[in-house]
Amino acid sequence: MKVYFERRILLGCIVAFAILASLGIYTYRYFKESTVTTRQVTHTNEVLYHVEQLYSAALRLEVGLYQFIETGDTSFASFYRGELRMAAEHTRILGALVHDNPAQLRTLDSMRMTGRKKVKFIQEVMLARSQSVLAARRLVPSAANDAITKELTAAIMQMQQREKVLLQHRTEASVLGESKFMRTFLLMQFSGAVILVLVFYAIHASFRRRVLAEQSLREVSEEIRDLYNNAPCGYHSLNAEGYISEMNNMWLQWLGYTRDEIVGKKRFIDLLTAESKSLFENNFEKFKTTGSVSNLEFNLVRKNGEGLPVILNSTAVKNEQGDFVRSRSTVFNLTERKKSEAKIMQLNNELEAFTYSVSHDLRAPLRSIDGYARILKEDYGPKLDPEANRVIDIVVRNARRMGKLIDDLLDFSRVGRKELSHSRVDFNTMVNNLRRELMEQEKERVINFVVHPLALVEGDNNMLRQVWENLISNALKYSSKKPLTEIEITCTTEEDKTIYSIRDNGVGFDMKYANKLFGVFQRLHKVQDFEGTGVGLALVHRIISRHGGKIWAEAAVDAGATFSFYIPSETR
């Protein structure tokens, strides 16, 4: 189980732990140094104690000596030997205490030498007292005794003074260290507390965000689950054996089954008609390898036995080793679309039949109008006035135009009914033949017609010939008022699409009317300027659309036009 922390929380914890660790180390070092200082202070006090004991012993001997001289008490000898032993012991201890202090050692040596002189002097006094009180009295205040006493006292005072200075320094250092320790300790403790508070706040904020995020995630998850179950399309997953491992409510509703009857119990193929089963078998194994299928149409059987046409798209979920785990499939109900397509097909058939019938029925009266108008013109034209002849010409011209319109409508109708016959089409040969045929009718014009190499395409040869014939005818027609007509046909490849283009330097058109170009009877120029019925480009659009392609145009007024189209690779 992995635990994740925000970087600032982790950093705060590290700093807090570092402060606590530093605080522990600092406290340990302080107490270690404090112990050393305490020992040093104790050591100094011990030195002072033994020095004072030596000084006291010297004073006691001095007083005892005066009493001995006056009283001659024989117990003084025992007292004298006891004091000497005590002084020797204190001196020995002092020597051990100040062994690392050369100055004090020298002073102690001086005290030992002076002490020996004092002992020798006391022995002389004791000997003199045994002989005469006056002799002993004369020795005590002598200059020699004063010198020994002063020298001993000076050595003791010097040793005391040095130790008192050391004691003062060590005491001050101890107090200063303690003060410094307390300040540092409190500062570090305060800093640690502040950081811990901040870390706690950051953790609290992090957990609050996490709780809010989890709450939001639950809400989103519920929304996604609701969307999954109640979306206007079907969702399901299949395992490697083709069993349904998951299916949403909408899909179950379409089929009429409950979740317990479907999930883990039925394979998808069990719900299909015989024809769709073969389609599924042909695609499922390949799907597990390729990882996706698109726009597969299946017919399923509902629980009540009714048919259900659907269209399916699916992607595969694979593990790290690339093995198929399950599918993710979306399904759309085609029932209404199939009904609409059937109705549209029926209406189209009726419309096509009506158009074909009307076109054929109009031909006979149009031929009569055209024929009788010609007879009238030929037989009675010389006898009629100019206005009458002009009217007859208008009748003939419009009858011919109506005939051309009917022919175009019949072509348009036939394109809608005719089945596509796919074959490999050589656009190079087709376009060059059309160029020669159409330019035979334009011998009086100066035309620069360039055809670049064109890629082969798969489609209906006759229909695609109609496309090029209409596009080339339009280019010639709308550039007819130019002194030099320039037409160029090219072929380019963009994003796996082969795009064919025809460019002219004609009158062009305003691009804001481009949406009218491919509609039936839609014209962007007046009839008196350029003849036409407005069906040619609609026919081109219909042929390209039936091949699954797309056609578009780019132009500017009086700057020519370029028509481009492509046919999808699936068709080619």
Protein backbone atom coordinates (compact mmCIF):
# COMPACT_ATOMS: atom_id res chain seq x y z
CA MET A 1 0.00 0.00 0.00
CA LYS A 2 1.45 3.32 -1.04
CA VAL A 3 1.00 6.47 1.05
CA TYR A 4 1.21 9.79 -0.72
CA PHE A 5 1.95 13.17 0.91
CA GLU A 6 2.01 16.61 -0.56
CA ARG A 7 5.52 17.92 -1.03
CA ARG A 8 5.06 20.81 1.41
CA ILE A 9 3.70 18.46 4.12
CA LEU A 10 6.60 16.09 3.61
CA LEU A 11 9.03 19.00 3.74
CA GLY A 12 7.39 20.36 6.90
CA CYS A 13 7.59 16.94 8.59
CA ILE A 14 11.26 16.62 7.64
CA VAL A 15 12.03 20.09 9.04
CA ALA A 16 10.07 19.35 12.23
CA PHE A 17 11.86 16.04 12.74
CA ALA A 18 15.18 17.75 11.99
CA ILE A 19 14.43 20.39 14.64
CA LEU A 20 13.44 17.73 17.17
CA ALA A 21 16.57 15.72 16.38
CA SER A 22 18.71 18.86 16.63
CA LEU A 23 16.99 19.71 19.90
CA GLY A 24 17.82 16.29 21.30
CA ILE A 25 21.44 16.45 20.11
CA TYR A 26 21.82 20.00 21.43
CA THR A 27 20.30 19.04 24.79
CA TYR A 28 22.58 16.03 25.03
CA ARG A 29 25.64 18.16 24.22
CA TYR A 30 24.54 20.81 26.72
CA PHE A 31 24.10 18.32 29.52
CA LYS A 32 27.43 16.74 28.63
CA GLU A 33 29.14 20.13 28.72
CA SER A 34 27.18 21.05 31.85
CA THR A 35 28.39 17.85 33.52
CA VAL A 36 31.97 18.74 32.63
CA THR A 37 31.50 22.29 33.98
CA THR A 38 29.91 20.93 37.16
CA ARG A 39 32.83 18.57 37.66
CA GLN A 40 35.24 21.45 37.09
CA VAL A 41 33.40 23.62 39.62
CA THR A 42 33.37 20.72 42.07
CA HIS A 43 37.06 20.17 41.38
CA THR A 44 37.82 23.84 42.10
CA ASN A 45 35.79 23.74 45.32
CA GLU A 46 37.69 20.65 46.39
CA VAL A 47 40.99 22.41 45.75
CA LEU A 48 39.79 25.41 47.76
CA TYR A 49 38.63 23.13 50.54
CA HIS A 50 41.97 21.35 50.88
CA VAL A 51 43.87 24.65 50.64
CA GLU A 52 41.69 26.07 53.42
CA GLN A 53 42.28 22.91 55.46
CA LEU A 54 46.03 23.41 55.07
CA TYR A 55 45.65 27.03 56.09
CA SER A 56 43.53 26.02 59.11
CA ALA A 57 46.06 23.36 60.07
CA ALA A 58 48.83 25.99 59.94
CA LEU A 59 46.80 28.33 62.15
CA ARG A 60 46.00 25.54 64.62
CA LEU A 61 49.66 24.58 64.84
CA GLU A 62 50.60 28.21 65.39
CA VAL A 63 48.08 28.57 68.21
CA GLY A 64 48.96 25.16 69.70
CA LEU A 65 52.64 26.10 69.62
CA TYR A 66 52.02 29.26 71.68
CA GLN A 67 49.98 27.30 74.21
CA PHE A 68 52.68 24.62 74.42
CA ILE A 69 55.36 27.26 75.10
CA GLU A 70 53.30 28.78 77.93
CA THR A 71 51.92 25.60 79.48
CA GLY A 72 54.43 22.93 78.49
CA ASP A 73 51.49 20.55 77.91
CA THR A 74 52.99 17.24 76.76
CA SER A 75 49.86 16.43 74.67
CA PHE A 76 51.05 18.98 72.11
CA ALA A 77 53.38 16.39 70.61
CA SER A 78 50.46 14.10 69.85
CA PHE A 79 48.41 17.08 68.50
CA TYR A 80 51.41 18.14 66.41
CA ARG A 81 51.84 14.72 64.82
CA GLY A 82 48.08 14.49 64.03
CA GLU A 83 48.06 17.90 62.31
CA LEU A 84 51.15 16.96 60.33
CA ARG A 85 49.45 13.78 59.08
CA MET A 86 46.32 15.73 58.13
CA ALA A 87 48.39 18.39 56.35
CA ALA A 88 50.31 15.68 54.49
CA GLU A 89 47.04 14.05 53.37
CA HIS A 90 45.59 17.38 52.19
CA THR A 91 48.82 18.11 50.35
CA ARG A 92 48.74 14.71 48.69
CA ILE A 93 45.14 15.23 47.58
CA LEU A 94 45.95 18.73 46.35
CA GLY A 95 48.81 17.29 44.31
CA ALA A 96 46.42 14.87 42.64
CA LEU A 97 43.83 17.61 42.04
CA VAL A 98 46.21 20.15 40.46
CA HIS A 99 48.47 17.72 38.59
CA ASP A 100 47.34 19.22 35.24
CA ASN A 101 47.89 22.86 36.42
CA PRO A 102 51.61 23.72 36.28
CA ALA A 103 51.20 27.05 38.10
CA GLN A 104 49.34 25.47 41.00
CA LEU A 105 51.84 22.61 41.11
CA ARG A 106 54.67 25.09 41.49
CA THR A 107 52.80 26.89 44.27
CA LEU A 108 52.08 23.55 45.95
CA ASP A 109 55.78 22.63 45.80
CA SER A 110 56.56 26.01 47.36
CA MET A 111 54.00 25.26 50.10
CA ARG A 112 55.63 21.87 50.75
CA MET A 113 59.10 23.45 51.10
CA THR A 114 57.75 26.21 53.35
CA GLY A 115 55.84 23.60 55.37
CA ARG A 116 59.00 21.63 55.93
CA LYS A 117 60.69 24.82 57.20
CA LYS A 118 57.72 25.41 59.50
CA VAL A 119 57.92 21.82 60.83
CA LYS A 120 61.67 22.20 61.43
CA PHE A 121 61.05 25.49 63.23
CA ILE A 122 58.34 23.92 65.45
CA GLN A 123 60.74 21.08 66.31
CA GLU A 124 63.38 23.67 67.29
CA VAL A 125 60.84 25.47 69.51
CA MET A 126 59.80 22.17 71.11
CA LEU A 127 63.46 21.36 71.84
CA ALA A 128 64.08 24.88 73.26
CA ARG A 129 60.97 24.60 75.49
CA SER A 130 62.29 21.40 76.95
CA GLN A 131 65.29 23.41 78.10
CA SER A 132 63.88 26.85 78.86
CA VAL A 133 60.58 28.71 78.48
CA LEU A 134 62.39 31.97 77.74
CA ALA A 135 64.43 30.42 74.96
CA ALA A 136 61.25 29.11 73.37
CA ARG A 137 59.52 32.48 73.74
CA ARG A 138 62.42 34.24 72.01
CA LEU A 139 62.21 31.87 68.95
CA VAL A 140 58.48 32.37 68.13
CA PRO A 141 58.50 36.09 67.24
CA SER A 142 61.82 35.84 65.45
CA ALA A 143 62.32 37.22 61.96
CA ALA A 144 62.90 33.69 60.59
CA ASN A 145 59.50 32.52 61.86
CA ASP A 146 57.78 35.61 60.47
CA ALA A 147 59.37 34.99 57.09
CA ILE A 148 58.27 31.33 57.06
CA THR A 149 54.73 32.25 58.13
CA LYS A 150 54.42 34.99 55.52
CA GLU A 151 55.82 32.73 52.78
CA LEU A 152 53.41 29.92 53.70
CA THR A 153 50.47 32.29 53.96
CA ALA A 154 51.36 33.90 50.60
CA ALA A 155 51.54 30.50 48.88
CA ILE A 156 48.18 29.47 50.33
CA MET A 157 46.58 32.83 49.37
CA GLN A 158 48.03 32.60 45.85
CA MET A 159 46.67 29.09 45.40
CA GLN A 160 43.29 30.14 46.74
CA GLN A 161 43.19 33.20 44.49
CA ARG A 162 43.89 31.17 41.36
CA GLU A 163 41.19 28.65 42.22
CA LYS A 164 38.70 31.42 43.02
CA VAL A 165 39.37 32.99 39.61
CA LEU A 166 38.87 29.58 37.98
CA LEU A 167 35.71 29.10 40.02
CA GLN A 168 34.37 32.48 38.93
CA HIS A 169 35.12 31.80 35.25
CA ARG A 170 33.59 28.35 35.39
CA THR A 171 30.54 29.59 37.24
CA GLU A 172 30.05 32.41 34.71
CA ALA A 173 30.53 29.95 31.84
CA SER A 174 28.00 27.64 33.43
CA VAL A 175 25.47 30.45 33.84
CA LEU A 176 26.12 31.75 30.32
CA GLY A 177 25.83 28.24 28.87
CA GLU A 178 22.62 27.64 30.74
CA SER A 179 21.18 30.95 29.50
CA LYS A 180 22.25 30.21 25.95
CA PHE A 181 20.85 26.70 26.19
CA MET A 182 17.50 27.98 27.46
CA ARG A 183 17.21 30.58 24.68
CA THR A 184 18.19 28.11 22.00
CA PHE A 185 16.01 25.38 23.46
CA LEU A 186 12.97 27.66 23.65
CA LEU A 187 13.61 29.01 20.11
CA MET A 188 13.96 25.54 18.64
CA GLN A 189 10.97 24.31 20.60
CA PHE A 190 8.92 27.28 19.40
CA SER A 191 10.07 26.77 15.81
CA GLY A 192 9.24 23.08 15.99
CA ALA A 193 5.83 23.86 17.47
CA VAL A 194 5.12 26.45 14.72
CA ILE A 195 6.18 24.03 12.00
CA LEU A 196 4.12 21.22 13.53
CA VAL A 197 1.11 23.55 13.68
CA LEU A 198 1.68 24.48 10.03
CA VAL A 199 2.12 20.82 9.10
CA PHE A 200 -1.05 19.96 10.99
CA TYR A 201 -2.87 22.75 9.17
CA ALA A 202 -1.49 21.56 5.82
CA ILE A 203 -2.48 17.97 6.62
CA HIS A 204 -5.91 19.18 7.66
CA ALA A 205 -6.24 21.19 4.44
CA SER A 206 -4.94 18.25 2.41
CA PHE A 207 -7.38 15.85 4.01
CA ARG A 208 -10.18 18.35 3.53
CA ARG A 209 -9.30 18.67 -0.15
CA ARG A 210 -9.05 14.90 -0.37
CA VAL A 211 -12.46 14.51 1.28
CA LEU A 212 -13.94 17.10 -1.07
CA ALA A 213 -12.20 15.42 -4.01
CA GLU A 214 -13.53 12.02 -2.93
CA GLN A 215 -16.98 13.50 -2.54
CA SER A 216 -16.69 15.12 -5.97
CA LEU A 217 -15.33 11.85 -7.35
CA ARG A 218 -18.30 9.98 -5.91
CA GLU A 219 -20.67 12.50 -7.44
CA VAL A 220 -18.90 12.31 -10.79
CA SER A 221 -18.83 8.53 -10.53
CA GLU A 222 -22.55 8.50 -9.85
CA GLU A 223 -23.11 10.86 -12.77
CA ILE A 224 -20.96 8.67 -15.00
CA ARG A 225 -22.78 5.57 -13.79
CA ASP A 226 -26.11 7.30 -14.43
CA LEU A 227 -24.90 8.41 -17.85
CA TYR A 228 -23.60 4.91 -18.54
CA ASN A 229 -26.85 3.25 -17.56
CA ASN A 230 -29.31 5.78 -18.95
CA ALA A 231 -27.50 7.23 -21.98
CA PRO A 232 -29.54 7.10 -25.21
CA CYS A 233 -27.28 4.34 -26.50
CA GLY A 234 -26.17 0.91 -25.42
CA TYR A 235 -22.89 0.13 -23.64
CA HIS A 236 -21.51 -3.33 -23.02
CA SER A 237 -18.26 -5.21 -22.48
CA LEU A 238 -17.31 -8.68 -23.71
CA ASN A 239 -14.62 -10.91 -22.23
CA ALA A 240 -12.20 -12.95 -24.31
CA GLU A 241 -14.77 -15.76 -24.71
CA GLY A 242 -17.39 -13.32 -25.99
CA TYR A 243 -19.54 -13.41 -22.82
CA ILE A 244 -21.23 -10.18 -21.80
CA SER A 245 -19.46 -8.96 -18.65
CA GLU A 246 -21.30 -5.63 -18.38
CA MET A 247 -24.31 -3.97 -20.00
CA ASN A 248 -26.10 -0.70 -19.29
CA ASN A 249 -29.78 -0.27 -18.49
CA MET A 250 -30.72 1.26 -21.85
CA TRP A 251 -29.25 -1.72 -23.72
CA LEU A 252 -31.10 -4.14 -21.39
CA GLN A 253 -34.32 -2.19 -21.94
CA TRP A 254 -33.96 -2.45 -25.72
CA LEU A 255 -33.40 -6.20 -25.49
CA GLY A 256 -36.08 -6.80 -22.85
CA TYR A 257 -33.76 -8.79 -20.55
CA THR A 258 -32.80 -8.22 -16.92
CA ARG A 259 -29.16 -7.84 -15.89
CA ASP A 260 -29.15 -11.23 -14.18
CA GLU A 261 -30.35 -12.89 -17.38
CA ILE A 262 -27.57 -11.34 -19.49
CA VAL A 263 -24.38 -10.51 -17.58
CA GLY A 264 -22.11 -13.52 -17.32
CA LYS A 265 -24.84 -15.78 -18.74
CA LYS A 266 -25.05 -15.00 -22.44
CA ARG A 267 -22.57 -14.44 -25.21
CA PHE A 268 -23.15 -11.56 -27.58
CA ILE A 269 -23.41 -14.02 -30.47
CA ASP A 270 -26.35 -15.73 -28.70
CA LEU A 271 -28.43 -12.57 -29.25
CA LEU A 272 -27.74 -12.30 -33.00
CA THR A 273 -29.63 -13.48 -36.05
CA ALA A 274 -28.02 -16.17 -38.21
CA GLU A 275 -26.71 -13.63 -40.74
CA SER A 276 -25.22 -11.40 -38.02
CA LYS A 277 -23.62 -14.36 -36.26
CA SER A 278 -21.34 -15.00 -39.25
CA LEU A 279 -20.45 -11.27 -39.32
CA PHE A 280 -19.57 -11.38 -35.61
CA GLU A 281 -17.49 -14.55 -35.98
CA ASN A 282 -15.57 -13.05 -38.88
CA ASN A 283 -14.70 -9.92 -36.91
CA PHE A 284 -14.36 -10.84 -33.21
CA GLU A 285 -11.01 -12.64 -33.35
CA LYS A 286 -9.58 -9.99 -35.65
CA PHE A 287 -10.95 -7.30 -33.27
CA LYS A 288 -9.05 -8.82 -30.30
CA THR A 289 -5.83 -8.36 -32.30
CA THR A 290 -6.42 -5.01 -34.04
CA GLY A 291 -8.12 -3.45 -31.01
CA SER A 292 -11.05 -1.70 -32.70
CA VAL A 293 -14.00 -2.05 -35.07
CA SER A 294 -16.21 0.69 -36.47
CA ASN A 295 -19.77 0.92 -37.74
CA LEU A 296 -20.62 -2.80 -37.78
CA GLU A 297 -24.34 -3.33 -38.30
CA PHE A 298 -25.94 -6.30 -36.51
CA ASN A 299 -29.47 -7.61 -36.26
CA LEU A 300 -30.35 -8.90 -32.79
CA VAL A 301 -33.36 -10.79 -31.46
CA ARG A 302 -35.17 -9.30 -28.49
CA LYS A 303 -36.45 -11.49 -25.68
CA ASN A 304 -39.95 -11.25 -27.17
CA GLY A 305 -38.65 -12.43 -30.55
CA GLU A 306 -38.74 -9.05 -32.34
CA GLY A 307 -35.77 -7.89 -34.40
CA LEU A 308 -33.46 -5.10 -33.30
CA PRO A 309 -31.08 -3.51 -35.86
CA VAL A 310 -28.06 -1.78 -34.29
CA ILE A 311 -24.74 -0.25 -35.28
CA LEU A 312 -21.71 -1.06 -33.10
CA ASN A 313 -18.35 0.58 -32.45
CA SER A 314 -15.84 -1.00 -30.11
CA THR A 315 -12.29 -0.70 -28.74
CA ALA A 316 -10.29 -3.35 -26.90
CA VAL A 317 -8.83 -3.11 -23.39
CA LYS A 318 -5.51 -4.95 -23.10
CA ASN A 319 -3.15 -5.68 -20.20
CA GLU A 320 0.52 -4.75 -19.97
CA GLN A 321 1.47 -7.88 -21.91
CA GLY A 322 -0.82 -6.87 -24.77
CA ASP A 323 -3.38 -9.62 -24.08
CA PHE A 324 -7.06 -8.90 -24.67
CA VAL A 325 -8.99 -8.29 -21.43
CA ARG A 326 -12.38 -6.95 -22.47
CA SER A 327 -14.12 -4.78 -25.01
CA ARG A 328 -15.65 -1.33 -24.66
CA SER A 329 -18.59 -1.15 -27.04
CA THR A 330 -21.22 1.44 -27.89
CA VAL A 331 -24.41 0.44 -29.68
CA PHE A 332 -27.03 2.65 -31.32
CA ASN A 333 -30.57 1.52 -32.05
CA LEU A 334 -31.22 1.73 -35.79
CA THR A 335 -34.92 0.83 -35.63
CA GLU A 336 -36.16 4.35 -36.27
CA ARG A 337 -33.40 5.03 -38.80
CA LYS A 338 -34.25 1.86 -40.72
CA LYS A 339 -37.90 2.90 -40.76
CA SER A 340 -36.91 6.37 -41.94
CA GLU A 341 -34.57 4.96 -44.59
CA ALA A 342 -37.31 2.67 -45.86
CA LYS A 343 -39.74 5.58 -45.97
CA ILE A 344 -37.16 7.85 -47.65
CA MET A 345 -36.35 5.12 -50.16
CA GLN A 346 -40.04 4.74 -50.93
CA LEU A 347 -40.43 8.51 -51.32
CA ASN A 348 -37.28 8.72 -53.47
CA ASN A 349 -38.54 5.93 -55.68
CA GLU A 350 -41.87 7.68 -56.02
CA LEU A 351 -40.12 11.00 -56.69
CA GLU A 352 -37.76 9.44 -59.21
CA ALA A 353 -40.69 7.75 -60.94
CA PHE A 354 -42.62 11.01 -60.93
CA THR A 355 -39.64 12.97 -62.29
CA TYR A 356 -38.99 10.39 -64.96
CA SER A 357 -42.66 10.26 -65.93
CA VAL A 358 -43.06 14.04 -66.02
CA SER A 359 -39.84 14.46 -68.01
CA HIS A 360 -40.99 11.93 -70.61
CA ASP A 361 -44.51 13.39 -70.72
CA LEU A 362 -43.11 16.91 -71.29
CA ARG A 363 -40.95 15.89 -74.21
CA ALA A 364 -43.84 15.42 -76.69
CA PRO A 365 -45.49 18.85 -76.19
CA LEU A 366 -42.08 20.53 -76.16
CA ARG A 367 -41.21 18.88 -79.46
CA SER A 368 -44.54 20.07 -80.86
CA ILE A 369 -43.96 23.63 -79.63
CA ASP A 370 -40.44 23.63 -81.09
CA GLY A 371 -41.56 22.05 -84.38
CA TYR A 372 -44.56 24.26 -85.02
CA ALA A 373 -42.58 27.37 -84.05
CA ARG A 374 -39.92 26.42 -86.60
CA ILE A 375 -42.61 25.82 -89.30
CA LEU A 376 -44.17 29.16 -88.48
CA LYS A 377 -40.75 30.81 -88.75
CA GLU A 378 -39.86 29.11 -92.03
CA ASP A 379 -43.26 29.47 -93.79
CA TYR A 380 -44.50 32.78 -92.52
CA GLY A 381 -41.42 34.52 -91.18
CA PRO A 382 -40.95 36.80 -94.23
CA LYS A 383 -44.60 37.87 -94.02
CA LEU A 384 -44.47 38.72 -90.32
CA ASP A 385 -43.14 41.94 -88.81
CA PRO A 386 -39.85 41.97 -86.84
CA GLU A 387 -41.57 41.82 -83.44
CA ALA A 388 -43.46 38.68 -84.42
CA ASN A 389 -40.23 37.05 -85.59
CA ARG A 390 -38.54 38.02 -82.31
CA VAL A 391 -41.34 36.41 -80.32
CA ILE A 392 -41.09 33.22 -82.42
CA ASP A 393 -37.32 33.12 -81.74
CA ILE A 394 -37.97 33.46 -77.99
CA VAL A 395 -40.45 30.54 -78.15
CA VAL A 396 -37.93 28.34 -80.00
CA ARG A 397 -35.08 29.28 -77.68
CA ASN A 398 -37.06 28.62 -74.50
CA ALA A 399 -38.41 25.35 -75.89
CA ARG A 400 -34.85 24.18 -76.51
CA ARG A 401 -33.83 25.37 -73.03
CA MET A 402 -36.74 23.48 -71.55
CA GLY A 403 -35.67 20.39 -73.48
CA LYS A 404 -32.13 20.70 -72.15
CA LEU A 405 -33.51 21.11 -68.63
CA ILE A 406 -35.59 17.95 -69.01
CA ASP A 407 -32.54 16.07 -70.29
CA ASP A 408 -30.55 17.26 -67.27
CA LEU A 409 -33.34 16.23 -64.90
CA LEU A 410 -33.43 12.79 -66.49
CA ASP A 411 -29.65 12.50 -66.05
CA PHE A 412 -30.00 13.62 -62.42
CA SER A 413 -32.77 11.08 -61.88
CA ARG A 414 -30.80 8.27 -63.49
CA VAL A 415 -27.76 8.99 -61.29
CA GLY A 416 -29.94 8.53 -58.20
CA ARG A 417 -31.33 5.21 -59.41
CA LYS A 418 -28.32 3.68 -61.07
CA GLU A 419 -26.15 1.19 -59.16
CA LEU A 420 -22.44 2.01 -58.96
CA SER A 421 -20.16 -0.24 -60.97
CA HIS A 422 -16.66 -0.16 -59.51
CA SER A 423 -13.63 -0.41 -61.72
CA ARG A 424 -10.15 1.08 -62.01
CA VAL A 425 -10.53 4.46 -63.76
CA ASP A 426 -7.65 6.17 -65.58
CA PHE A 427 -8.33 9.88 -65.09
CA ASN A 428 -5.39 10.84 -67.35
CA THR A 429 -6.91 9.23 -70.44
CA MET A 430 -10.45 10.30 -69.52
CA VAL A 431 -9.59 13.98 -68.95
CA ASN A 432 -7.37 14.30 -72.02
CA ASN A 433 -10.09 12.78 -74.27
CA LEU A 434 -12.68 15.16 -72.83
CA ARG A 435 -10.31 18.09 -73.31
CA ARG A 436 -9.88 17.30 -77.02
CA GLU A 437 -13.62 16.79 -77.57
CA LEU A 438 -14.70 19.98 -75.82
CA MET A 439 -11.96 22.16 -77.29
CA GLU A 440 -13.07 21.10 -80.81
CA GLN A 441 -16.12 23.25 -80.14
CA GLU A 442 -13.97 26.23 -79.05
CA LYS A 443 -11.59 26.55 -82.04
CA GLU A 444 -11.98 30.31 -82.25
CA ARG A 445 -10.85 30.86 -78.64
CA VAL A 446 -7.30 31.17 -77.27
CA ILE A 447 -7.09 28.52 -74.55
CA ASN A 448 -4.14 27.45 -72.40
CA PHE A 449 -5.26 24.06 -71.04
CA VAL A 450 -2.76 22.24 -68.77
CA VAL A 451 -3.39 18.75 -67.35
CA HIS A 452 -0.92 17.43 -64.76
CA PRO A 453 -0.53 13.68 -64.10
CA LEU A 454 -3.59 12.32 -62.30
CA ALA A 455 -3.76 9.35 -59.93
CA LEU A 456 -5.93 6.35 -60.75
CA VAL A 457 -9.18 5.95 -58.85
CA GLU A 458 -11.74 3.22 -58.30
CA GLY A 459 -15.34 4.09 -59.12
CA ASP A 460 -18.06 4.17 -61.74
CA ASN A 461 -16.39 5.07 -65.05
CA ASN A 462 -19.42 6.67 -66.73
CA MET A 463 -20.45 8.70 -63.69
CA LEU A 464 -16.92 10.00 -63.12
CA ARG A 465 -16.69 10.92 -66.79
CA GLN A 466 -19.86 12.99 -66.28
CA VAL A 467 -18.14 14.74 -63.34
CA TRP A 468 -15.13 15.78 -65.43
CA GLU A 469 -17.27 16.70 -68.44
CA ASN A 470 -19.45 19.05 -66.38
CA LEU A 471 -16.48 20.62 -64.54
CA ILE A 472 -14.44 21.18 -67.73
CA SER A 473 -17.51 22.53 -69.55
CA ASN A 474 -18.16 24.97 -66.73
CA ALA A 475 -14.52 26.11 -66.74
CA LEU A 476 -14.68 26.75 -70.49
CA LYS A 477 -18.07 28.46 -70.23
CA TYR A 478 -17.31 30.83 -67.36
CA SER A 479 -13.91 31.84 -68.78
CA SER A 480 -15.27 32.44 -72.31
CA LYS A 481 -15.23 36.23 -71.92
CA LYS A 482 -11.51 36.31 -71.19
CA PRO A 483 -9.09 37.11 -74.07
CA LEU A 484 -6.94 34.20 -72.90
CA THR A 485 -8.59 31.27 -71.18
CA GLU A 486 -6.43 29.45 -68.65
CA ILE A 487 -7.48 26.07 -67.27
CA GLU A 488 -5.31 23.83 -65.09
CA ILE A 489 -6.12 20.36 -63.70
CA THR A 490 -3.96 19.07 -60.82
CA CYS A 491 -3.76 16.16 -58.39
CA THR A 492 -2.36 16.45 -54.83
CA THR A 493 -2.19 14.24 -51.75
CA GLU A 494 -3.17 15.61 -48.33
CA GLU A 495 -3.59 13.45 -45.21
CA ASP A 496 -4.02 10.20 -47.18
CA LYS A 497 -6.55 11.87 -49.52
CA THR A 498 -5.99 12.30 -53.24
CA ILE A 499 -7.51 15.64 -54.19
CA TYR A 500 -8.31 16.49 -57.82
CA SER A 501 -8.70 20.18 -58.73
CA ILE A 502 -9.67 22.20 -61.82
CA ARG A 503 -8.82 25.89 -61.85
CA ASP A 504 -9.92 28.54 -64.38
CA ASN A 505 -9.41 32.29 -64.75
CA GLY A 506 -13.07 33.04 -65.44
CA VAL A 507 -15.60 35.35 -63.84
CA GLY A 508 -15.57 33.44 -60.53
CA PHE A 509 -18.27 34.15 -57.93
CA ASP A 510 -18.82 35.63 -54.47
CA MET A 511 -17.97 33.02 -51.80
CA LYS A 512 -20.93 34.07 -49.64
CA TYR A 513 -23.14 32.31 -52.20
CA ALA A 514 -21.00 29.16 -52.31
CA ASN A 515 -23.66 27.16 -50.42
CA LYS A 516 -25.97 27.49 -53.46
CA LEU A 517 -23.49 26.07 -55.97
CA PHE A 518 -24.48 22.42 -55.77
CA GLY A 519 -28.26 22.82 -55.43
CA VAL A 520 -30.63 21.90 -58.27
CA PHE A 521 -31.63 24.94 -60.40
CA GLN A 522 -29.30 27.17 -58.38
CA ARG A 523 -27.41 29.69 -60.51
CA LEU A 524 -25.03 32.47 -59.53
CA HIS A 525 -25.01 34.14 -62.96
CA LYS A 526 -27.77 35.42 -65.24
CA VAL A 527 -29.01 33.24 -68.12
CA GLN A 528 -28.36 36.00 -70.64
CA ASP A 529 -24.69 36.09 -69.52
CA PHE A 530 -24.06 32.33 -69.41
CA GLU A 531 -26.40 29.60 -70.59
CA GLY A 532 -27.25 26.71 -68.31
CA THR A 533 -29.99 24.99 -66.32
CA GLY A 534 -28.43 24.92 -62.87
CA VAL A 535 -28.35 21.10 -62.77
CA GLY A 536 -24.76 20.40 -63.87
CA LEU A 537 -23.03 21.03 -60.53
CA ALA A 538 -25.88 19.37 -58.61
CA LEU A 539 -25.29 16.28 -60.75
CA VAL A 540 -21.52 16.44 -60.01
CA HIS A 541 -22.22 16.75 -56.30
CA ARG A 542 -24.59 13.78 -56.36
CA ILE A 543 -22.10 11.54 -58.18
CA ILE A 544 -19.23 12.44 -55.81
CA SER A 545 -21.49 11.93 -52.77
CA ARG A 546 -22.56 8.49 -54.04
CA HIS A 547 -18.87 7.58 -54.19
CA GLY A 548 -18.53 8.70 -50.55
CA GLY A 549 -16.45 11.74 -51.45
CA LYS A 550 -16.72 15.50 -51.13
CA ILE A 551 -16.59 18.43 -53.54
CA TRP A 552 -16.04 22.11 -52.76
CA ALA A 553 -15.13 25.34 -54.51
CA GLU A 554 -12.99 28.42 -53.89
CA ALA A 555 -13.36 31.60 -55.92
CA ALA A 556 -13.40 35.37 -56.03
CA VAL A 557 -15.39 37.71 -58.26
CA ASP A 558 -13.64 38.13 -61.64
CA ALA A 559 -10.62 36.16 -60.37
CA GLY A 560 -11.51 32.65 -61.46
CA ALA A 561 -12.64 29.59 -59.55
CA THR A 562 -11.18 26.29 -58.37
CA PHE A 563 -13.33 23.17 -57.92
CA SER A 564 -11.80 20.33 -55.90
CA PHE A 565 -13.01 16.87 -54.94
CA TYR A 566 -11.76 13.62 -53.47
CA ILE A 567 -12.98 10.03 -53.29
CA PRO A 568 -12.22 8.15 -50.03
CA SER A 569 -9.53 5.49 -50.03
CA GLU A 570 -12.13 2.87 -49.10
CA THR A 571 -13.71 3.48 -52.48
CA ARG A 572 -10.50 3.82 -54.46
